[in-house]
Protein backbone atom coordinates (compact mmCIF):
# COMPACT_ATOMS: atom_id res chain seq x y z
CA UNK A 1 -17.01 -28.32 57.99
CA UNK A 2 -19.74 -30.98 57.97
CA UNK A 3 -21.03 -31.96 61.38
CA UNK A 4 -20.98 -35.67 62.34
CA UNK A 5 -24.80 -35.71 62.23
CA UNK A 6 -24.88 -34.13 58.78
CA UNK A 7 -22.24 -36.54 57.55
CA UNK A 8 -24.24 -39.45 58.91
CA UNK A 9 -27.32 -38.33 56.99
CA UNK A 10 -25.34 -37.90 53.81
CA UNK A 11 -23.91 -41.50 54.23
CA UNK A 12 -27.40 -42.82 54.87
CA UNK A 13 -28.78 -41.14 51.74
CA UNK A 14 -25.78 -42.32 49.76
CA UNK A 15 -26.57 -45.84 50.92
CA UNK A 16 -30.14 -45.52 49.65
CA UNK A 17 -28.82 -44.23 46.35
CA UNK A 18 -26.48 -47.12 45.72
CA UNK A 19 -29.12 -49.61 46.83
CA UNK A 20 -31.30 -48.31 44.02
CA UNK A 21 -28.68 -47.51 41.46
CA UNK A 22 -26.21 -50.42 41.45
CA UNK A 23 -26.90 -53.74 43.14
CA UNK A 24 -23.47 -55.15 42.01
CA UNK A 25 -21.49 -52.17 43.39
CA UNK A 26 -23.45 -52.13 46.64
CA UNK A 27 -23.00 -55.94 47.00
CA UNK A 28 -19.24 -55.60 46.70
CA UNK A 29 -19.03 -52.44 48.83
CA UNK A 30 -20.44 -54.22 51.92
CA UNK A 31 -17.15 -56.13 52.08
CA UNK A 32 -15.26 -52.95 52.99
CA UNK A 33 -14.56 -51.96 56.53
CA UNK A 34 -17.15 -49.42 57.74
CA UNK A 35 -15.12 -46.24 57.10
CA UNK A 36 -14.09 -47.26 53.52
CA UNK A 37 -17.63 -48.44 52.76
CA UNK A 38 -19.16 -45.09 53.81
CA UNK A 39 -16.65 -43.18 51.67
CA UNK A 40 -17.23 -45.44 48.75
CA UNK A 41 -20.95 -44.76 49.11
CA UNK A 42 -20.36 -41.02 49.25
CA UNK A 43 -18.28 -41.16 46.04
CA UNK A 44 -20.79 -43.29 44.30
CA UNK A 45 -23.62 -40.89 45.06
CA UNK A 46 -21.83 -38.14 43.23
CA UNK A 47 -20.92 -40.45 40.31
CA UNK A 48 -24.56 -41.58 40.05
CA UNK A 49 -25.86 -37.97 40.15
CA UNK A 50 -23.55 -36.83 37.36
CA UNK A 51 -24.63 -39.77 35.16
CA UNK A 52 -28.24 -38.99 35.89
CA UNK A 53 -27.97 -35.26 35.09
CA UNK A 54 -26.01 -35.89 31.96
CA UNK A 55 -28.44 -38.55 30.63
CA UNK A 56 -31.76 -37.27 31.96
CA UNK A 57 -32.36 -40.40 33.93
CA UNK A 58 -33.22 -41.43 37.49
CA UNK A 59 -30.72 -43.73 39.34
CA UNK A 60 -29.37 -45.09 36.13
CA UNK A 61 -32.79 -45.91 34.54
CA UNK A 62 -34.86 -44.43 31.76
CA UNK A 63 -32.15 -42.50 29.93
CA UNK A 64 -33.50 -39.64 27.82
CA UNK A 65 -30.98 -37.39 26.19
CA UNK A 66 -32.13 -33.88 27.09
CA UNK A 67 -32.50 -30.80 24.90
CA UNK A 68 -29.61 -29.02 26.68
CA UNK A 69 -26.78 -31.42 27.15
CA UNK A 70 -24.18 -28.65 27.37
CA UNK A 71 -26.27 -26.97 30.06
CA UNK A 72 -26.41 -30.28 31.94
CA UNK A 73 -22.58 -30.53 31.85
CA UNK A 74 -22.28 -26.87 33.01
CA UNK A 75 -24.51 -27.72 35.96
CA UNK A 76 -22.37 -30.66 36.86
CA UNK A 77 -19.26 -28.56 36.60
CA UNK A 78 -20.70 -25.77 38.75
CA UNK A 79 -21.97 -27.95 41.57
CA UNK A 80 -18.80 -30.04 41.56
CA UNK A 81 -16.66 -26.97 41.84
CA UNK A 82 -18.66 -25.67 44.69
CA UNK A 83 -18.43 -29.02 46.48
CA UNK A 84 -14.69 -29.22 45.99
CA UNK A 85 -14.26 -25.75 47.48
CA UNK A 86 -15.99 -26.79 50.61
CA UNK A 87 -19.34 -25.10 49.94
CA UNK A 88 -22.70 -26.69 50.82
CA UNK A 89 -24.56 -27.06 47.55
CA UNK A 90 -27.95 -28.11 48.80
CA UNK A 91 -27.66 -31.13 46.45
CA UNK A 92 -27.09 -34.29 48.42
CA UNK A 93 -24.81 -36.08 45.94
CA UNK A 94 -22.51 -33.07 45.47
CA UNK A 95 -22.31 -32.52 49.27
CA UNK A 96 -21.32 -36.23 49.42
CA UNK A 97 -18.45 -35.53 47.08
CA UNK A 98 -17.43 -32.49 49.16
CA UNK A 99 -17.14 -34.67 52.23
CA UNK A 100 -15.23 -37.61 50.72
CA UNK A 101 -12.97 -35.49 48.61
CA UNK A 102 -11.94 -33.40 51.76
CA UNK A 103 -11.44 -36.53 53.91
CA UNK A 104 -9.35 -38.54 51.46
CA UNK A 105 -7.75 -35.60 49.60
CA UNK A 106 -8.91 -37.03 46.29
CA UNK A 107 -6.79 -35.36 43.47
CA UNK A 108 -9.12 -33.01 41.57
CA UNK A 109 -7.72 -34.19 38.30
CA UNK A 110 -9.55 -37.48 38.71
CA UNK A 111 -12.79 -35.65 39.47
CA UNK A 112 -12.40 -33.44 36.30
CA UNK A 113 -11.44 -36.41 34.11
CA UNK A 114 -14.61 -38.15 35.02
CA UNK A 115 -16.70 -35.21 34.13
CA UNK A 116 -14.91 -35.09 30.76
CA UNK A 117 -16.42 -38.45 29.94
CA UNK A 118 -19.89 -37.00 30.40
CA UNK A 119 -18.93 -33.97 28.20
CA UNK A 120 -18.01 -36.38 25.39
CA UNK A 121 -21.46 -37.98 25.52
CA UNK A 122 -23.01 -34.54 25.62
CA UNK A 123 -21.16 -33.67 22.47
CA UNK A 124 -22.48 -36.70 20.73
CA UNK A 125 -18.94 -38.17 20.51
CA UNK A 126 -18.28 -41.52 18.96
CA UNK A 127 -14.92 -43.35 18.91
CA UNK A 128 -12.99 -43.47 15.75
CA UNK A 129 -10.67 -46.26 16.96
CA UNK A 130 -9.70 -48.43 19.92
CA UNK A 131 -7.53 -45.72 21.48
CA UNK A 132 -10.53 -43.40 21.48
CA UNK A 133 -12.67 -46.07 23.16
CA UNK A 134 -10.11 -46.76 25.83
CA UNK A 135 -9.71 -42.98 26.62
CA UNK A 136 -13.47 -42.75 27.01
CA UNK A 137 -13.48 -45.81 29.33
CA UNK A 138 -10.81 -44.22 31.45
CA UNK A 139 -12.74 -41.01 31.77
CA UNK A 140 -16.19 -42.50 32.63
CA UNK A 141 -14.84 -45.41 34.74
CA UNK A 142 -11.11 -45.53 35.05
CA UNK A 143 -11.03 -42.12 36.81
CA UNK A 144 -13.53 -43.49 39.24
CA UNK A 145 -11.20 -46.44 39.82
CA UNK A 146 -8.44 -43.96 40.73
CA UNK A 147 -10.71 -42.17 43.12
CA UNK A 148 -11.77 -45.36 44.74
CA UNK A 149 -8.14 -46.34 45.19
CA UNK A 150 -7.42 -43.17 46.99
CA UNK A 151 -10.52 -43.81 49.19
CA UNK A 152 -9.00 -47.23 49.93
CA UNK A 153 -5.68 -45.65 51.03
CA UNK A 154 -3.51 -45.74 47.93
CA UNK A 155 -1.00 -42.89 47.98
CA UNK A 156 -1.40 -40.06 45.56
CA UNK A 157 2.12 -40.63 44.22
CA UNK A 158 1.73 -44.40 43.75
CA UNK A 159 1.28 -43.99 39.97
CA UNK A 160 1.52 -47.69 39.16
CA UNK A 161 -1.24 -48.76 41.56
CA UNK A 162 -3.38 -45.86 40.41
CA UNK A 163 -2.86 -46.89 36.81
CA UNK A 164 -4.07 -50.39 37.66
CA UNK A 165 -7.07 -48.96 39.48
CA UNK A 166 -7.86 -47.14 36.29
CA UNK A 167 -7.48 -50.45 34.39
CA UNK A 168 -10.08 -51.99 36.61
CA UNK A 169 -12.57 -49.21 35.87
CA UNK A 170 -11.73 -49.57 32.14
CA UNK A 171 -12.46 -53.34 32.34
CA UNK A 172 -15.82 -52.70 33.98
CA UNK A 173 -16.77 -50.17 31.34
CA UNK A 174 -15.83 -52.47 28.48
CA UNK A 175 -18.11 -55.15 29.99
CA UNK A 176 -20.90 -52.65 30.39
CA UNK A 177 -20.57 -51.50 26.82
CA UNK A 178 -20.72 -55.10 25.49
CA UNK A 179 -23.88 -55.75 27.63
CA UNK A 180 -25.59 -52.47 26.55
CA UNK A 181 -24.82 -52.17 22.89
CA UNK A 182 -28.42 -52.30 21.74
CA UNK A 183 -29.72 -50.26 24.66
CA UNK A 184 -27.21 -47.57 23.97
CA UNK A 185 -28.09 -47.57 20.26
CA UNK A 186 -31.77 -46.86 21.36
CA UNK A 187 -30.66 -43.54 22.88
CA UNK A 188 -28.31 -42.57 20.06
CA UNK A 189 -25.12 -43.77 21.66
CA UNK A 190 -22.42 -45.78 19.90
CA UNK A 191 -19.22 -46.90 21.62
CA UNK A 192 -17.97 -49.41 19.08
CA UNK A 193 -15.03 -47.83 17.23
CA UNK A 194 -15.70 -47.03 13.61
CA UNK A 195 -12.57 -49.04 12.61
CA UNK A 196 -14.10 -52.16 14.37
CA UNK A 197 -17.45 -51.63 12.55
CA UNK A 198 -15.69 -51.35 9.16
CA UNK A 199 -13.67 -54.47 9.82
CA UNK A 200 -16.90 -56.26 10.67
CA UNK A 201 -18.58 -54.98 7.57
CA UNK A 202 -21.14 -52.96 9.60
CA UNK A 203 -22.14 -49.29 9.46
CA UNK A 204 -23.36 -46.88 12.10
CA UNK A 205 -26.94 -46.98 10.92
CA UNK A 206 -27.79 -50.72 10.82
CA UNK A 207 -25.26 -52.46 13.13
CA UNK A 208 -28.02 -53.50 15.55
CA UNK A 209 -30.27 -54.95 12.81
CA UNK A 210 -31.33 -58.57 13.44
CA UNK A 211 -29.36 -59.73 10.42
CA UNK A 212 -26.15 -58.20 11.87
CA UNK A 213 -26.33 -59.98 15.25
CA UNK A 214 -23.66 -62.61 14.45
CA UNK A 215 -21.14 -59.84 13.61
CA UNK A 216 -22.32 -57.83 16.61
CA UNK A 217 -21.76 -60.88 18.89
CA UNK A 218 -18.13 -61.04 17.58
CA UNK A 219 -17.60 -57.40 18.40
CA UNK A 220 -18.98 -58.04 21.88
CA UNK A 221 -16.51 -60.89 22.22
CA UNK A 222 -13.83 -58.38 21.17
CA UNK A 223 -14.87 -56.05 23.95
CA UNK A 224 -14.86 -58.89 26.42
CA UNK A 225 -11.35 -60.04 25.46
CA UNK A 226 -10.11 -56.41 25.91
CA UNK A 227 -11.87 -56.25 29.27
CA UNK A 228 -10.10 -59.43 30.45
CA UNK A 229 -6.71 -57.86 29.60
CA UNK A 230 -7.38 -54.80 31.66
CA UNK A 231 -8.87 -56.83 34.48
CA UNK A 232 -5.71 -58.93 34.70
CA UNK A 233 -3.62 -55.78 35.08
CA UNK A 234 -5.98 -54.45 37.79
CA UNK A 235 -5.58 -57.66 39.80
CA UNK A 236 -1.89 -56.95 40.23
CA UNK A 237 -2.80 -53.62 41.83
CA UNK A 238 -5.52 -55.19 43.93
CA UNK A 239 -2.95 -57.38 45.62
CA UNK A 240 -1.47 -54.26 47.18
CA UNK A 241 -4.57 -53.17 49.01
CA UNK A 242 -5.54 -53.75 52.61
CA UNK A 243 -7.26 -57.12 53.15
CA UNK A 244 -10.95 -56.20 53.15
CA UNK A 245 -10.45 -53.69 50.30
CA UNK A 246 -8.66 -56.35 48.31
CA UNK A 247 -11.56 -58.74 48.93
CA UNK A 248 -14.09 -56.19 47.79
CA UNK A 249 -12.18 -55.18 44.62
CA UNK A 250 -11.64 -58.77 43.61
CA UNK A 251 -15.30 -59.54 44.19
CA UNK A 252 -16.31 -56.70 41.92
CA UNK A 253 -13.77 -57.84 39.31
CA UNK A 254 -15.13 -61.31 39.37
CA UNK A 255 -18.81 -60.08 39.08
CA UNK A 256 -18.07 -57.74 36.19
CA UNK A 257 -15.92 -60.34 34.50
CA UNK A 258 -18.86 -62.73 34.67
CA UNK A 259 -21.07 -60.07 32.93
CA UNK A 260 -18.64 -60.05 30.08
CA UNK A 261 -18.44 -63.80 29.92
CA UNK A 262 -22.22 -64.18 29.93
CA UNK A 263 -22.71 -61.70 27.09
CA UNK A 264 -20.22 -63.69 25.05
CA UNK A 265 -21.82 -66.97 25.95
CA UNK A 266 -25.28 -65.70 24.97
CA UNK A 267 -23.99 -64.77 21.51
CA UNK A 268 -26.68 -63.32 19.20
CA UNK A 269 -29.27 -63.43 21.96
CA UNK A 270 -27.20 -61.27 24.32
CA UNK A 271 -29.42 -58.27 23.92
CA UNK A 272 -32.84 -60.02 23.91
CA UNK A 273 -32.88 -59.26 27.70
CA UNK A 274 -30.48 -57.66 30.06
CA UNK A 275 -27.55 -59.76 31.05
CA UNK A 276 -27.37 -60.03 34.84
CA UNK A 277 -25.43 -61.87 37.49
CA UNK A 278 -27.78 -63.34 40.04
CA UNK A 279 -27.30 -63.37 43.81
CA UNK A 280 -26.05 -67.00 44.07
CA UNK A 281 -23.49 -66.37 41.40
CA UNK A 282 -22.37 -63.18 43.16
CA UNK A 283 -21.92 -65.05 46.37
CA UNK A 284 -19.84 -67.58 44.51
CA UNK A 285 -17.63 -64.81 43.15
CA UNK A 286 -17.31 -63.27 46.58
CA UNK A 287 -16.19 -66.60 47.98
CA UNK A 288 -13.65 -67.01 45.14
CA UNK A 289 -12.43 -63.45 45.81
CA UNK A 290 -11.94 -64.23 49.53
CA UNK A 291 -9.78 -67.20 48.63
CA UNK A 292 -7.77 -65.15 46.17
CA UNK A 293 -7.33 -62.28 48.73
CA UNK A 294 -6.21 -64.64 51.51
CA UNK A 295 -3.59 -66.03 49.11
CA UNK A 296 -2.13 -62.51 48.72
CA UNK A 297 -2.08 -61.87 52.49
């Protein structure tokens, strides 16, 4: 059992982690009520740590694929299993998971599904087709959407709402993939399905070449269009959430949807610099989400 003081320390450290690791997620999370926000931060800390261990990076930056990817996944599995069994691991992020998983009774299948996404990357996996891509997106982000839904009070047996929460994570990941195509290529990662590359007349070795940027921009548009479809599904589920959670989720959906739109609008220059959504735009999206969430009340 984690003492109140130990829990408070874990929440504070999780807050520092999210501040450094994801400005967009932290921005949206501040719209939650205090209890939900703290739990969202605890869950984020674990997700961030898994990503960092798997990619040899620090708080999402400077990814360097290590020499022992299988060993990194084994470490994630071992520490996660210990945390879920109620053990103190001595690793802040994994102890954060132990607390939030126990408090919310997060189904372990979602935890393990998420780790499987990292395992795919560790194996050097690349999607053959769109179905492969979508399964990957579920594992690395959709499963997190399901865990977040449980944190926000969605029942474990509410399969339709959980599926729509997974759709939101999938939408976010598709936007991220579109934004990071060239950055991912730089560390040996490719998330564009081979069938899409073939249809565009591209191959796995030169798809990021300057001469291929017009075709690459069209594939980014295809990712964005797919993201919008999943986002629309997720908004139906968001309407079932409590007021402040609904507001936070819709704000995040607006912000990530804007990332996808900006990538498309930038066309062939989308990867000359990182596509970001500034603070003023985020505030506008939060305001729009508030209006939408009040309409659903």
